[in-house]
Amino acid sequence: MNKLKIRLSTPEMVADFINVCSSLKYKDFDINVYDGRSIIDAKSIVGVFAIAQGKKIETKIVTDDKCVISSFIEDMRKFEV
């Protein structure tokens, strides 16, 4: 499973989420945020702030590398709903 339901309740959580997604260990991977029919790049500050604050959203890393997926899921646990 390479996707999770998360909630970013505060601007600080949104900033923390973007920092995690933009970290060096994920620089070579696409990470998307889904809000209904909208798909936003999780590394986009404007995009994530526009749709994410306070809502339950889904995030997904696009890779088949099980080690990267495992690390991503662990990093996302603090935002998980």
N, C-alpha and C. Protein backbone atom coordinates (compact mmCIF):
# COMPACT_ATOMS: atom_id res chain seq x y z
N MET A 1 0.84 -1.18 0.00
CA MET A 1 0.00 0.00 0.00
C MET A 1 0.89 1.24 0.00
N ASN A 2 0.76 2.08 -1.01
CA ASN A 2 1.58 3.28 -1.10
C ASN A 2 0.75 4.55 -0.97
N LYS A 3 -0.44 4.44 -0.32
CA LYS A 3 -1.26 5.64 -0.11
C LYS A 3 -1.91 5.60 1.26
N LEU A 4 -2.19 6.81 1.76
CA LEU A 4 -2.77 6.98 3.09
C LEU A 4 -3.77 8.12 3.09
N LYS A 5 -4.75 8.03 3.98
CA LYS A 5 -5.66 9.15 4.24
C LYS A 5 -5.01 9.98 5.34
N ILE A 6 -4.91 11.28 5.11
CA ILE A 6 -4.29 12.17 6.09
C ILE A 6 -5.18 13.40 6.30
N ARG A 7 -4.87 14.14 7.36
CA ARG A 7 -5.53 15.42 7.61
C ARG A 7 -4.45 16.39 8.09
N LEU A 8 -4.41 17.56 7.46
CA LEU A 8 -3.46 18.60 7.82
C LEU A 8 -4.27 19.73 8.45
N SER A 9 -4.33 19.74 9.76
CA SER A 9 -5.24 20.61 10.50
C SER A 9 -4.77 22.05 10.68
N THR A 10 -3.48 22.26 10.63
CA THR A 10 -2.94 23.61 10.88
C THR A 10 -1.96 23.98 9.76
N PRO A 11 -1.69 25.27 9.62
CA PRO A 11 -0.66 25.68 8.64
C PRO A 11 0.70 25.05 8.94
N GLU A 12 1.00 24.85 10.22
CA GLU A 12 2.27 24.23 10.59
C GLU A 12 2.34 22.78 10.11
N MET A 13 1.20 22.07 10.20
CA MET A 13 1.16 20.68 9.72
C MET A 13 1.32 20.63 8.20
N VAL A 14 0.71 21.58 7.50
CA VAL A 14 0.85 21.64 6.05
C VAL A 14 2.32 21.87 5.70
N ALA A 15 2.96 22.82 6.37
CA ALA A 15 4.37 23.10 6.10
C ALA A 15 5.24 21.89 6.42
N ASP A 16 4.96 21.21 7.53
CA ASP A 16 5.72 20.01 7.90
C ASP A 16 5.53 18.91 6.85
N PHE A 17 4.30 18.71 6.39
CA PHE A 17 4.00 17.72 5.36
C PHE A 17 4.80 18.02 4.09
N ILE A 18 4.79 19.26 3.65
CA ILE A 18 5.52 19.64 2.44
C ILE A 18 7.02 19.43 2.62
N ASN A 19 7.54 19.76 3.79
CA ASN A 19 8.96 19.55 4.07
C ASN A 19 9.32 18.07 4.00
N VAL A 20 8.47 17.21 4.56
CA VAL A 20 8.73 15.77 4.50
C VAL A 20 8.72 15.30 3.05
N CYS A 21 7.70 15.72 2.29
CA CYS A 21 7.60 15.28 0.89
C CYS A 21 8.72 15.83 0.01
N SER A 22 9.29 16.96 0.41
CA SER A 22 10.37 17.58 -0.37
C SER A 22 11.76 17.16 0.09
N SER A 23 11.83 16.31 1.10
CA SER A 23 13.13 15.91 1.63
C SER A 23 13.93 15.14 0.58
N LEU A 24 15.22 15.08 0.80
CA LEU A 24 16.12 14.45 -0.16
C LEU A 24 15.77 12.99 -0.45
N LYS A 25 15.26 12.27 0.55
CA LYS A 25 15.00 10.85 0.31
C LYS A 25 13.83 10.63 -0.65
N TYR A 26 13.01 11.66 -0.89
CA TYR A 26 11.88 11.54 -1.82
C TYR A 26 12.05 12.39 -3.07
N LYS A 27 13.22 12.97 -3.27
CA LYS A 27 13.42 13.91 -4.38
C LYS A 27 13.21 13.27 -5.75
N ASP A 28 13.44 11.98 -5.87
CA ASP A 28 13.31 11.30 -7.17
C ASP A 28 11.94 10.66 -7.39
N PHE A 29 11.00 10.93 -6.50
CA PHE A 29 9.68 10.28 -6.58
C PHE A 29 8.57 11.31 -6.61
N ASP A 30 7.52 10.99 -7.36
CA ASP A 30 6.34 11.84 -7.36
C ASP A 30 5.48 11.47 -6.16
N ILE A 31 4.99 12.50 -5.49
CA ILE A 31 4.05 12.31 -4.38
C ILE A 31 2.85 13.18 -4.70
N ASN A 32 1.68 12.57 -4.71
CA ASN A 32 0.46 13.29 -5.07
C ASN A 32 -0.50 13.36 -3.89
N VAL A 33 -1.31 14.42 -3.90
CA VAL A 33 -2.38 14.61 -2.93
C VAL A 33 -3.67 14.63 -3.73
N TYR A 34 -4.64 13.85 -3.28
CA TYR A 34 -5.92 13.74 -3.98
C TYR A 34 -7.04 14.32 -3.12
N ASP A 35 -7.79 15.22 -3.71
CA ASP A 35 -8.96 15.82 -3.06
C ASP A 35 -10.11 15.70 -4.04
N GLY A 36 -10.86 14.62 -3.93
CA GLY A 36 -11.91 14.38 -4.90
C GLY A 36 -11.30 14.13 -6.26
N ARG A 37 -11.60 14.99 -7.21
CA ARG A 37 -11.08 14.82 -8.57
C ARG A 37 -9.80 15.61 -8.81
N SER A 38 -9.37 16.41 -7.86
CA SER A 38 -8.14 17.20 -8.00
C SER A 38 -6.92 16.38 -7.58
N ILE A 39 -5.87 16.50 -8.37
CA ILE A 39 -4.59 15.87 -8.04
C ILE A 39 -3.55 16.98 -7.97
N ILE A 40 -2.89 17.07 -6.81
CA ILE A 40 -1.91 18.13 -6.56
C ILE A 40 -0.56 17.49 -6.24
N ASP A 41 0.50 18.13 -6.72
CA ASP A 41 1.85 17.71 -6.37
C ASP A 41 2.07 18.03 -4.89
N ALA A 42 2.42 17.03 -4.09
CA ALA A 42 2.59 17.22 -2.65
C ALA A 42 3.78 18.09 -2.30
N LYS A 43 4.64 18.38 -3.27
CA LYS A 43 5.78 19.26 -3.03
C LYS A 43 5.46 20.70 -3.38
N SER A 44 4.24 20.97 -3.81
CA SER A 44 3.80 22.32 -4.18
C SER A 44 3.18 23.03 -2.98
N ILE A 45 3.85 24.03 -2.49
CA ILE A 45 3.36 24.78 -1.33
C ILE A 45 2.00 25.38 -1.60
N VAL A 46 1.87 26.07 -2.71
CA VAL A 46 0.60 26.73 -3.05
C VAL A 46 -0.50 25.69 -3.25
N GLY A 47 -0.22 24.63 -3.97
CA GLY A 47 -1.22 23.61 -4.24
C GLY A 47 -1.74 22.94 -2.98
N VAL A 48 -0.84 22.54 -2.11
CA VAL A 48 -1.25 21.84 -0.89
C VAL A 48 -2.00 22.79 0.04
N PHE A 49 -1.51 24.01 0.20
CA PHE A 49 -2.22 24.97 1.05
C PHE A 49 -3.62 25.25 0.50
N ALA A 50 -3.76 25.24 -0.81
CA ALA A 50 -5.04 25.56 -1.43
C ALA A 50 -6.11 24.51 -1.16
N ILE A 51 -5.74 23.25 -1.09
CA ILE A 51 -6.77 22.21 -0.95
C ILE A 51 -6.76 21.46 0.37
N ALA A 52 -5.66 21.49 1.10
CA ALA A 52 -5.49 20.50 2.15
C ALA A 52 -5.89 20.90 3.56
N GLN A 53 -5.80 22.14 3.91
CA GLN A 53 -5.93 22.50 5.32
C GLN A 53 -7.28 22.13 5.92
N GLY A 54 -7.24 21.23 6.90
CA GLY A 54 -8.43 20.82 7.62
C GLY A 54 -9.24 19.71 6.99
N LYS A 55 -8.97 19.37 5.75
CA LYS A 55 -9.74 18.33 5.05
C LYS A 55 -9.06 16.97 5.18
N LYS A 56 -9.86 15.94 5.05
CA LYS A 56 -9.32 14.58 4.95
C LYS A 56 -8.99 14.37 3.47
N ILE A 57 -7.72 14.08 3.20
CA ILE A 57 -7.25 13.90 1.83
C ILE A 57 -6.46 12.60 1.74
N GLU A 58 -6.16 12.20 0.53
CA GLU A 58 -5.36 11.00 0.31
C GLU A 58 -4.03 11.41 -0.30
N THR A 59 -2.96 10.81 0.16
CA THR A 59 -1.64 11.05 -0.40
C THR A 59 -1.04 9.74 -0.87
N LYS A 60 -0.28 9.81 -1.94
CA LYS A 60 0.27 8.60 -2.55
C LYS A 60 1.65 8.90 -3.12
N ILE A 61 2.59 7.99 -2.88
CA ILE A 61 3.91 8.07 -3.50
C ILE A 61 3.91 7.13 -4.70
N VAL A 62 4.47 7.59 -5.79
CA VAL A 62 4.46 6.82 -7.04
C VAL A 62 5.81 6.12 -7.20
N THR A 63 5.85 4.87 -6.76
CA THR A 63 7.04 4.03 -6.89
C THR A 63 6.66 2.59 -6.58
N ASP A 64 7.49 1.67 -7.02
CA ASP A 64 7.33 0.26 -6.69
C ASP A 64 8.37 -0.20 -5.66
N ASP A 65 9.27 0.72 -5.27
CA ASP A 65 10.34 0.41 -4.33
C ASP A 65 9.75 0.25 -2.91
N LYS A 66 9.74 -0.97 -2.41
CA LYS A 66 9.12 -1.26 -1.12
C LYS A 66 9.79 -0.54 0.04
N CYS A 67 11.09 -0.32 -0.03
CA CYS A 67 11.80 0.40 1.04
C CYS A 67 11.36 1.86 1.08
N VAL A 68 11.23 2.48 -0.07
CA VAL A 68 10.79 3.88 -0.14
C VAL A 68 9.35 4.00 0.33
N ILE A 69 8.50 3.08 -0.09
CA ILE A 69 7.09 3.09 0.33
C ILE A 69 7.00 2.95 1.84
N SER A 70 7.74 2.03 2.41
CA SER A 70 7.74 1.82 3.85
C SER A 70 8.18 3.07 4.60
N SER A 71 9.23 3.71 4.12
CA SER A 71 9.71 4.95 4.73
C SER A 71 8.67 6.05 4.62
N PHE A 72 8.04 6.16 3.46
CA PHE A 72 7.01 7.17 3.24
C PHE A 72 5.82 6.96 4.19
N ILE A 73 5.35 5.73 4.29
CA ILE A 73 4.22 5.43 5.18
C ILE A 73 4.58 5.79 6.62
N GLU A 74 5.78 5.46 7.03
CA GLU A 74 6.21 5.79 8.40
C GLU A 74 6.25 7.31 8.62
N ASP A 75 6.76 8.04 7.64
CA ASP A 75 6.82 9.50 7.76
C ASP A 75 5.42 10.14 7.78
N MET A 76 4.46 9.50 7.13
CA MET A 76 3.10 10.05 7.05
C MET A 76 2.23 9.71 8.25
N ARG A 77 2.69 8.81 9.11
CA ARG A 77 1.86 8.37 10.25
C ARG A 77 1.40 9.53 11.13
N LYS A 78 2.22 10.56 11.28
CA LYS A 78 1.82 11.68 12.15
C LYS A 78 0.69 12.50 11.56
N PHE A 79 0.42 12.33 10.27
CA PHE A 79 -0.69 13.06 9.62
C PHE A 79 -1.90 12.17 9.38
N GLU A 80 -1.76 10.87 9.63
CA GLU A 80 -2.79 9.90 9.29
C GLU A 80 -4.08 10.13 10.07
N VAL A 81 -5.19 9.90 9.38
CA VAL A 81 -6.52 10.02 10.00
C VAL A 81 -6.89 8.70 10.63
